[in-house]
């Protein structure tokens, strides 16, 4: 399974939970997974594909500042790294 297939499967299993909500008979909130793709290609087709299968954001590799990952994490799950 590649990253695209994994993303599709995660989104399929989360269908209906894209908006924060609660499971029936549970006090635990539902938070859909944030999927940030690390992609090697800067081609627009590759970026379009990653977003179309359900990725929330993209970070280019092989070289990217670790701050980019920390910032993306903070944007999607509100975790602040010091």
C-alpha atoms as a PDB file:
ATOM      1  CA  UNK A   1       0.000   0.000   0.000  1.00  0.00           C
ATOM      2  CA  UNK A   2       1.437   3.373  -0.940  1.00  0.00           C
ATOM      3  CA  UNK A   3       0.741   6.719   0.705  1.00  0.00           C
ATOM      4  CA  UNK A   4      -2.130   7.524  -1.642  1.00  0.00           C
ATOM      5  CA  UNK A   5      -3.859   4.224  -0.938  1.00  0.00           C
ATOM      6  CA  UNK A   6      -3.298   4.659   2.808  1.00  0.00           C
ATOM      7  CA  UNK A   7      -4.763   8.167   2.686  1.00  0.00           C
ATOM      8  CA  UNK A   8      -7.816   6.964   0.757  1.00  0.00           C
ATOM      9  CA  UNK A   9      -8.356   4.175   3.292  1.00  0.00           C
ATOM     10  CA  UNK A  10      -8.027   6.524   6.273  1.00  0.00           C
ATOM     11  CA  UNK A  11     -10.480   8.974   4.704  1.00  0.00           C
ATOM     12  CA  UNK A  12     -12.888   6.158   3.804  1.00  0.00           C
ATOM     13  CA  UNK A  13     -12.910   4.971   7.410  1.00  0.00           C
ATOM     14  CA  UNK A  14     -13.385   8.527   8.630  1.00  0.00           C
ATOM     15  CA  UNK A  15     -16.183   9.373   6.225  1.00  0.00           C
ATOM     16  CA  UNK A  16     -18.740  11.440   8.055  1.00  0.00           C
ATOM     17  CA  UNK A  17     -16.236  12.606  10.679  1.00  0.00           C
ATOM     18  CA  UNK A  18     -14.609  15.485   8.780  1.00  0.00           C
ATOM     19  CA  UNK A  19     -16.360  17.865  11.162  1.00  0.00           C
ATOM     20  CA  UNK A  20     -15.615  17.599  14.848  1.00  0.00           C
ATOM     21  CA  UNK A  21     -18.351  15.628  16.523  1.00  0.00           C
ATOM     22  CA  UNK A  22     -18.927  12.893  19.047  1.00  0.00           C
ATOM     23  CA  UNK A  23     -19.395   9.162  18.799  1.00  0.00           C
ATOM     24  CA  UNK A  24     -22.812   7.889  19.838  1.00  0.00           C
ATOM     25  CA  UNK A  25     -22.936   7.011  23.546  1.00  0.00           C
ATOM     26  CA  UNK A  26     -19.468   8.455  24.091  1.00  0.00           C
ATOM     27  CA  UNK A  27     -18.108  11.600  25.666  1.00  0.00           C
ATOM     28  CA  UNK A  28     -14.980  11.384  23.492  1.00  0.00           C
ATOM     29  CA  UNK A  29     -14.849  13.865  20.611  1.00  0.00           C
ATOM     30  CA  UNK A  30     -14.052  12.772  17.064  1.00  0.00           C
ATOM     31  CA  UNK A  31     -11.110  14.544  15.480  1.00  0.00           C
ATOM     32  CA  UNK A  32     -10.349  13.490  11.918  1.00  0.00           C
ATOM     33  CA  UNK A  33      -6.709  12.701  11.265  1.00  0.00           C
ATOM     34  CA  UNK A  34      -4.593  15.421   9.731  1.00  0.00           C
ATOM     35  CA  UNK A  35      -2.588  13.978   6.855  1.00  0.00           C
ATOM     36  CA  UNK A  36       0.483  15.917   5.806  1.00  0.00           C
ATOM     37  CA  UNK A  37       2.201  14.369   2.806  1.00  0.00           C
ATOM     38  CA  UNK A  38       5.965  14.493   2.402  1.00  0.00           C
ATOM     39  CA  UNK A  39       6.382  14.476  -1.344  1.00  0.00           C
ATOM     40  CA  UNK A  40       9.560  14.250  -3.401  1.00  0.00           C
ATOM     41  CA  UNK A  41       8.074  15.738  -6.526  1.00  0.00           C
ATOM     42  CA  UNK A  42       7.423  19.404  -7.049  1.00  0.00           C
ATOM     43  CA  UNK A  43       5.323  18.620 -10.105  1.00  0.00           C
ATOM     44  CA  UNK A  44       1.874  20.140  -9.945  1.00  0.00           C
ATOM     45  CA  UNK A  45       0.267  16.803 -10.928  1.00  0.00           C
ATOM     46  CA  UNK A  46       1.831  15.098  -7.912  1.00  0.00           C
ATOM     47  CA  UNK A  47       0.644  17.860  -5.604  1.00  0.00           C
ATOM     48  CA  UNK A  48      -2.852  17.779  -7.093  1.00  0.00           C
ATOM     49  CA  UNK A  49      -3.018  13.998  -6.671  1.00  0.00           C
ATOM     50  CA  UNK A  50      -1.917  14.166  -3.024  1.00  0.00           C
ATOM     51  CA  UNK A  51      -4.566  16.750  -2.210  1.00  0.00           C
ATOM     52  CA  UNK A  52      -7.274  14.983  -4.214  1.00  0.00           C
ATOM     53  CA  UNK A  53      -6.885  11.695  -2.303  1.00  0.00           C
ATOM     54  CA  UNK A  54      -7.400  13.505   1.000  1.00  0.00           C
ATOM     55  CA  UNK A  55      -4.089  14.930   2.187  1.00  0.00           C
ATOM     56  CA  UNK A  56      -4.547  18.156   4.128  1.00  0.00           C
ATOM     57  CA  UNK A  57      -1.165  19.654   3.322  1.00  0.00           C
ATOM     58  CA  UNK A  58       2.118  18.990   1.515  1.00  0.00           C
ATOM     59  CA  UNK A  59       5.752  19.394   2.461  1.00  0.00           C
ATOM     60  CA  UNK A  60       8.440  18.902  -0.177  1.00  0.00           C
ATOM     61  CA  UNK A  61      11.426  16.660   0.410  1.00  0.00           C
ATOM     62  CA  UNK A  62      14.246  15.611   0.486  1.00  0.00           C
ATOM     63  CA  UNK A  63      15.357  18.807   2.208  1.00  0.00           C
ATOM     64  CA  UNK A  64      12.897  20.783   4.281  1.00  0.00           C
ATOM     65  CA  UNK A  65      13.365  22.627   7.557  1.00  0.00           C
ATOM     66  CA  UNK A  66      12.044  20.695  10.541  1.00  0.00           C
ATOM     67  CA  UNK A  67      10.221  23.891  11.483  1.00  0.00           C
ATOM     68  CA  UNK A  68       7.931  23.247   8.493  1.00  0.00           C
ATOM     69  CA  UNK A  69       6.733  19.989  10.048  1.00  0.00           C
ATOM     70  CA  UNK A  70       6.317  21.594  13.459  1.00  0.00           C
ATOM     71  CA  UNK A  71       4.334  24.463  11.949  1.00  0.00           C
ATOM     72  CA  UNK A  72       2.096  22.123   9.935  1.00  0.00           C
ATOM     73  CA  UNK A  73       1.490  19.994  13.037  1.00  0.00           C
ATOM     74  CA  UNK A  74       0.519  23.077  14.990  1.00  0.00           C
ATOM     75  CA  UNK A  75      -1.814  24.234  12.196  1.00  0.00           C
ATOM     76  CA  UNK A  76      -3.756  20.975  12.143  1.00  0.00           C
ATOM     77  CA  UNK A  77      -3.690  19.584  15.667  1.00  0.00           C
ATOM     78  CA  UNK A  78      -2.766  22.679  17.668  1.00  0.00           C
ATOM     79  CA  UNK A  79       0.398  21.248  19.164  1.00  0.00           C
ATOM     80  CA  UNK A  80       3.075  23.838  19.827  1.00  0.00           C
ATOM     81  CA  UNK A  81       6.677  22.682  19.908  1.00  0.00           C
ATOM     82  CA  UNK A  82       9.247  24.668  21.835  1.00  0.00           C
END
